[in-house]
Amino acid sequence: MATKVIAFVSVKPGMEEEFIRAAAPCIAASRSEAGVLRYDLWREKDGERRFVFDELYTDQAAVQAHMASDHFKAFGVAARNLAAARPSITVTEEVEVSS
């Protein structure tokens, strides 16, 4: 069953571009992982202007493989110094709706 992960990250003021540069290699590598259907980075237009990772995986095993990857771990180390707080992460599963 497909799994969607949505992660909100607040970045320290003035560190936005550095955060994007740090995220870019992780995003590129993640998009080529087996089981990754979508891996995108967004930024809120208003308010806190948090960054939003929008990730879609074939299943929970693909999520676990992604979290164990070297590029994800390297980004986590880099992001730790750029983030203003711990990310807010929501993991969801697909809901089958018949018409």
N, C-alpha and C. Protein backbone atom coordinates (compact mmCIF):
# COMPACT_ATOMS: atom_id res chain seq x y z
N MET A 1 0.85 -1.18 0.00
CA MET A 1 0.00 0.00 0.00
C MET A 1 0.89 1.24 0.00
N ALA A 2 0.55 2.21 -0.83
CA ALA A 2 1.33 3.44 -0.95
C ALA A 2 1.39 4.18 0.38
N THR A 3 2.53 4.83 0.62
CA THR A 3 2.74 5.61 1.83
C THR A 3 3.21 7.01 1.44
N LYS A 4 2.56 8.01 2.02
CA LYS A 4 2.94 9.41 1.77
C LYS A 4 3.52 9.97 3.06
N VAL A 5 4.66 10.66 2.91
CA VAL A 5 5.30 11.34 4.04
C VAL A 5 5.31 12.82 3.72
N ILE A 6 4.87 13.61 4.69
CA ILE A 6 4.89 15.06 4.56
C ILE A 6 5.69 15.59 5.75
N ALA A 7 6.78 16.29 5.45
CA ALA A 7 7.65 16.81 6.51
C ALA A 7 7.75 18.32 6.39
N PHE A 8 7.42 19.03 7.46
CA PHE A 8 7.53 20.48 7.52
C PHE A 8 8.80 20.83 8.28
N VAL A 9 9.62 21.70 7.67
CA VAL A 9 10.88 22.09 8.30
C VAL A 9 10.96 23.61 8.36
N SER A 10 11.09 24.14 9.56
CA SER A 10 11.33 25.57 9.75
C SER A 10 12.84 25.78 9.79
N VAL A 11 13.32 26.71 8.97
CA VAL A 11 14.75 26.96 8.85
C VAL A 11 15.08 28.29 9.53
N LYS A 12 16.26 28.35 10.10
CA LYS A 12 16.72 29.59 10.74
C LYS A 12 16.69 30.73 9.72
N PRO A 13 16.31 31.93 10.17
CA PRO A 13 16.28 33.07 9.25
C PRO A 13 17.63 33.28 8.56
N GLY A 14 17.58 33.53 7.27
CA GLY A 14 18.78 33.76 6.49
C GLY A 14 19.48 32.49 6.02
N MET A 15 18.98 31.33 6.41
CA MET A 15 19.61 30.06 6.05
C MET A 15 18.83 29.31 4.96
N GLU A 16 17.84 29.96 4.37
CA GLU A 16 16.96 29.30 3.42
C GLU A 16 17.71 28.75 2.20
N GLU A 17 18.55 29.57 1.60
CA GLU A 17 19.27 29.13 0.39
C GLU A 17 20.27 28.03 0.72
N GLU A 18 20.90 28.12 1.86
CA GLU A 18 21.83 27.06 2.27
C GLU A 18 21.07 25.75 2.50
N PHE A 19 19.87 25.84 3.05
CA PHE A 19 19.04 24.65 3.25
C PHE A 19 18.71 24.01 1.90
N ILE A 20 18.33 24.82 0.93
CA ILE A 20 18.00 24.30 -0.40
C ILE A 20 19.23 23.63 -1.02
N ARG A 21 20.39 24.25 -0.90
CA ARG A 21 21.61 23.64 -1.43
C ARG A 21 21.92 22.31 -0.74
N ALA A 22 21.69 22.25 0.56
CA ALA A 22 21.95 21.01 1.30
C ALA A 22 20.95 19.92 0.92
N ALA A 23 19.72 20.31 0.63
CA ALA A 23 18.67 19.35 0.30
C ALA A 23 18.80 18.80 -1.12
N ALA A 24 19.37 19.58 -2.03
CA ALA A 24 19.39 19.21 -3.46
C ALA A 24 20.00 17.83 -3.73
N PRO A 25 21.17 17.49 -3.19
CA PRO A 25 21.71 16.14 -3.48
C PRO A 25 20.83 15.02 -2.94
N CYS A 26 20.24 15.23 -1.78
CA CYS A 26 19.35 14.23 -1.19
C CYS A 26 18.11 14.04 -2.07
N ILE A 27 17.55 15.13 -2.54
CA ILE A 27 16.36 15.05 -3.39
C ILE A 27 16.69 14.31 -4.68
N ALA A 28 17.79 14.67 -5.32
CA ALA A 28 18.17 14.01 -6.58
C ALA A 28 18.37 12.51 -6.38
N ALA A 29 19.10 12.13 -5.34
CA ALA A 29 19.35 10.71 -5.08
C ALA A 29 18.07 9.98 -4.69
N SER A 30 17.22 10.64 -3.91
CA SER A 30 15.98 10.01 -3.46
C SER A 30 15.05 9.70 -4.63
N ARG A 31 15.03 10.58 -5.61
CA ARG A 31 14.16 10.38 -6.77
C ARG A 31 14.54 9.15 -7.59
N SER A 32 15.77 8.68 -7.44
CA SER A 32 16.18 7.50 -8.19
C SER A 32 16.13 6.21 -7.36
N GLU A 33 15.69 6.31 -6.11
CA GLU A 33 15.57 5.13 -5.26
C GLU A 33 14.42 4.24 -5.74
N ALA A 34 14.63 2.94 -5.64
CA ALA A 34 13.53 2.00 -5.90
C ALA A 34 12.45 2.25 -4.87
N GLY A 35 11.21 2.29 -5.29
CA GLY A 35 10.11 2.48 -4.36
C GLY A 35 9.72 3.92 -4.11
N VAL A 36 10.48 4.88 -4.64
CA VAL A 36 10.13 6.29 -4.49
C VAL A 36 9.35 6.72 -5.74
N LEU A 37 8.10 7.11 -5.52
CA LEU A 37 7.25 7.55 -6.62
C LEU A 37 7.32 9.06 -6.82
N ARG A 38 7.59 9.78 -5.73
CA ARG A 38 7.64 11.24 -5.79
C ARG A 38 8.46 11.74 -4.60
N TYR A 39 9.28 12.78 -4.84
CA TYR A 39 10.08 13.35 -3.75
C TYR A 39 10.33 14.81 -4.11
N ASP A 40 9.53 15.70 -3.55
CA ASP A 40 9.57 17.11 -3.92
C ASP A 40 9.75 17.99 -2.69
N LEU A 41 10.34 19.16 -2.92
CA LEU A 41 10.51 20.16 -1.88
C LEU A 41 9.70 21.40 -2.25
N TRP A 42 8.92 21.89 -1.31
CA TRP A 42 8.08 23.07 -1.49
C TRP A 42 8.40 24.06 -0.37
N ARG A 43 7.98 25.31 -0.57
CA ARG A 43 8.13 26.32 0.48
C ARG A 43 6.82 27.07 0.61
N GLU A 44 6.38 27.26 1.85
CA GLU A 44 5.16 28.03 2.09
C GLU A 44 5.32 29.44 1.52
N LYS A 45 4.23 29.96 0.96
CA LYS A 45 4.27 31.31 0.39
C LYS A 45 4.13 32.38 1.46
N ASP A 46 3.39 32.09 2.51
CA ASP A 46 3.13 33.07 3.57
C ASP A 46 3.45 32.45 4.93
N GLY A 47 3.27 33.22 5.96
CA GLY A 47 3.46 32.71 7.32
C GLY A 47 4.93 32.45 7.60
N GLU A 48 5.20 31.30 8.20
CA GLU A 48 6.56 30.95 8.59
C GLU A 48 7.47 30.66 7.40
N ARG A 49 6.87 30.45 6.24
CA ARG A 49 7.64 30.08 5.04
C ARG A 49 8.43 28.81 5.28
N ARG A 50 7.76 27.85 5.94
CA ARG A 50 8.41 26.57 6.17
C ARG A 50 8.64 25.85 4.84
N PHE A 51 9.61 24.95 4.87
CA PHE A 51 9.83 24.05 3.74
C PHE A 51 8.99 22.80 3.97
N VAL A 52 8.52 22.22 2.86
CA VAL A 52 7.66 21.05 2.93
C VAL A 52 8.22 19.98 2.00
N PHE A 53 8.59 18.85 2.56
CA PHE A 53 8.96 17.69 1.75
C PHE A 53 7.69 16.89 1.51
N ASP A 54 7.40 16.64 0.24
CA ASP A 54 6.23 15.87 -0.18
C ASP A 54 6.77 14.59 -0.82
N GLU A 55 6.60 13.48 -0.13
CA GLU A 55 7.23 12.23 -0.54
C GLU A 55 6.16 11.15 -0.71
N LEU A 56 6.28 10.36 -1.77
CA LEU A 56 5.34 9.27 -2.02
C LEU A 56 6.14 8.02 -2.33
N TYR A 57 5.84 6.96 -1.59
CA TYR A 57 6.56 5.70 -1.70
C TYR A 57 5.58 4.58 -2.05
N THR A 58 6.12 3.51 -2.63
CA THR A 58 5.28 2.37 -2.97
C THR A 58 4.74 1.68 -1.72
N ASP A 59 5.53 1.69 -0.65
CA ASP A 59 5.12 1.03 0.59
C ASP A 59 6.03 1.47 1.74
N GLN A 60 5.73 0.96 2.92
CA GLN A 60 6.50 1.33 4.11
C GLN A 60 7.94 0.84 4.03
N ALA A 61 8.17 -0.27 3.35
CA ALA A 61 9.54 -0.78 3.20
C ALA A 61 10.40 0.22 2.42
N ALA A 62 9.82 0.88 1.43
CA ALA A 62 10.55 1.89 0.66
C ALA A 62 10.88 3.10 1.54
N VAL A 63 9.98 3.45 2.46
CA VAL A 63 10.25 4.54 3.40
C VAL A 63 11.45 4.18 4.28
N GLN A 64 11.45 2.97 4.79
CA GLN A 64 12.54 2.52 5.65
C GLN A 64 13.87 2.49 4.90
N ALA A 65 13.84 2.04 3.65
CA ALA A 65 15.06 2.01 2.84
C ALA A 65 15.59 3.43 2.62
N HIS A 66 14.67 4.36 2.36
CA HIS A 66 15.07 5.75 2.17
C HIS A 66 15.73 6.30 3.44
N MET A 67 15.13 6.05 4.57
CA MET A 67 15.66 6.57 5.83
C MET A 67 17.02 5.97 6.17
N ALA A 68 17.32 4.79 5.63
CA ALA A 68 18.61 4.14 5.88
C ALA A 68 19.67 4.54 4.86
N SER A 69 19.30 5.30 3.84
CA SER A 69 20.24 5.66 2.78
C SER A 69 21.29 6.65 3.26
N ASP A 70 22.45 6.58 2.65
CA ASP A 70 23.54 7.49 3.01
C ASP A 70 23.19 8.95 2.71
N HIS A 71 22.52 9.19 1.58
CA HIS A 71 22.20 10.58 1.23
C HIS A 71 21.18 11.19 2.19
N PHE A 72 20.25 10.38 2.69
CA PHE A 72 19.28 10.89 3.67
C PHE A 72 19.99 11.21 4.98
N LYS A 73 20.86 10.32 5.41
CA LYS A 73 21.60 10.54 6.65
C LYS A 73 22.50 11.78 6.56
N ALA A 74 23.17 11.96 5.42
CA ALA A 74 24.04 13.12 5.23
C ALA A 74 23.23 14.41 5.26
N PHE A 75 22.07 14.40 4.63
CA PHE A 75 21.23 15.59 4.66
C PHE A 75 20.76 15.87 6.08
N GLY A 76 20.42 14.84 6.83
CA GLY A 76 19.99 15.03 8.22
C GLY A 76 21.05 15.72 9.06
N VAL A 77 22.30 15.37 8.85
CA VAL A 77 23.40 16.01 9.59
C VAL A 77 23.49 17.48 9.19
N ALA A 78 23.44 17.76 7.90
CA ALA A 78 23.54 19.15 7.42
C ALA A 78 22.35 19.98 7.88
N ALA A 79 21.17 19.42 7.81
CA ALA A 79 19.94 20.16 8.15
C ALA A 79 19.86 20.47 9.63
N ARG A 80 20.48 19.67 10.45
CA ARG A 80 20.44 19.88 11.90
C ARG A 80 20.92 21.28 12.27
N ASN A 81 21.91 21.79 11.57
CA ASN A 81 22.46 23.11 11.87
C ASN A 81 21.69 24.25 11.20
N LEU A 82 20.80 23.91 10.29
CA LEU A 82 20.05 24.92 9.55
C LEU A 82 18.62 25.07 10.05
N ALA A 83 18.10 24.02 10.65
CA ALA A 83 16.70 24.01 11.09
C ALA A 83 16.53 24.81 12.37
N ALA A 84 15.40 25.50 12.48
CA ALA A 84 15.08 26.26 13.68
C ALA A 84 14.46 25.38 14.75
N ALA A 85 13.92 24.23 14.34
CA ALA A 85 13.27 23.30 15.27
C ALA A 85 13.26 21.92 14.61
N ARG A 86 12.87 20.93 15.38
CA ARG A 86 12.74 19.59 14.81
C ARG A 86 11.63 19.60 13.77
N PRO A 87 11.79 18.84 12.69
CA PRO A 87 10.73 18.82 11.67
C PRO A 87 9.46 18.18 12.21
N SER A 88 8.36 18.59 11.64
CA SER A 88 7.07 17.98 11.93
C SER A 88 6.79 17.01 10.79
N ILE A 89 6.68 15.72 11.10
CA ILE A 89 6.55 14.70 10.07
C ILE A 89 5.22 13.96 10.24
N THR A 90 4.50 13.85 9.12
CA THR A 90 3.25 13.11 9.10
C THR A 90 3.38 11.99 8.08
N VAL A 91 3.10 10.76 8.52
CA VAL A 91 3.13 9.60 7.64
C VAL A 91 1.69 9.15 7.44
N THR A 92 1.30 9.00 6.17
CA THR A 92 -0.07 8.62 5.87
C THR A 92 -0.08 7.39 4.97
N GLU A 93 -1.21 6.73 4.93
CA GLU A 93 -1.37 5.60 4.02
C GLU A 93 -2.57 5.87 3.12
N GLU A 94 -2.52 5.29 1.97
CA GLU A 94 -3.56 5.48 0.97
C GLU A 94 -4.90 4.94 1.46
N VAL A 95 -5.95 5.66 1.14
CA VAL A 95 -7.30 5.24 1.48
C VAL A 95 -7.99 4.84 0.18
N GLU A 96 -8.42 3.62 0.09
CA GLU A 96 -9.15 3.15 -1.09
C GLU A 96 -10.59 3.62 -0.98
N VAL A 97 -11.05 4.33 -1.99
CA VAL A 97 -12.42 4.84 -2.00
C VAL A 97 -13.08 4.34 -3.28
N SER A 98 -14.14 3.60 -3.11
CA SER A 98 -14.86 3.13 -4.30
C SER A 98 -15.86 4.18 -4.74
N SER A 99 -16.09 4.24 -6.03
CA SER A 99 -17.00 5.27 -6.54
C SER A 99 -18.41 4.76 -6.66
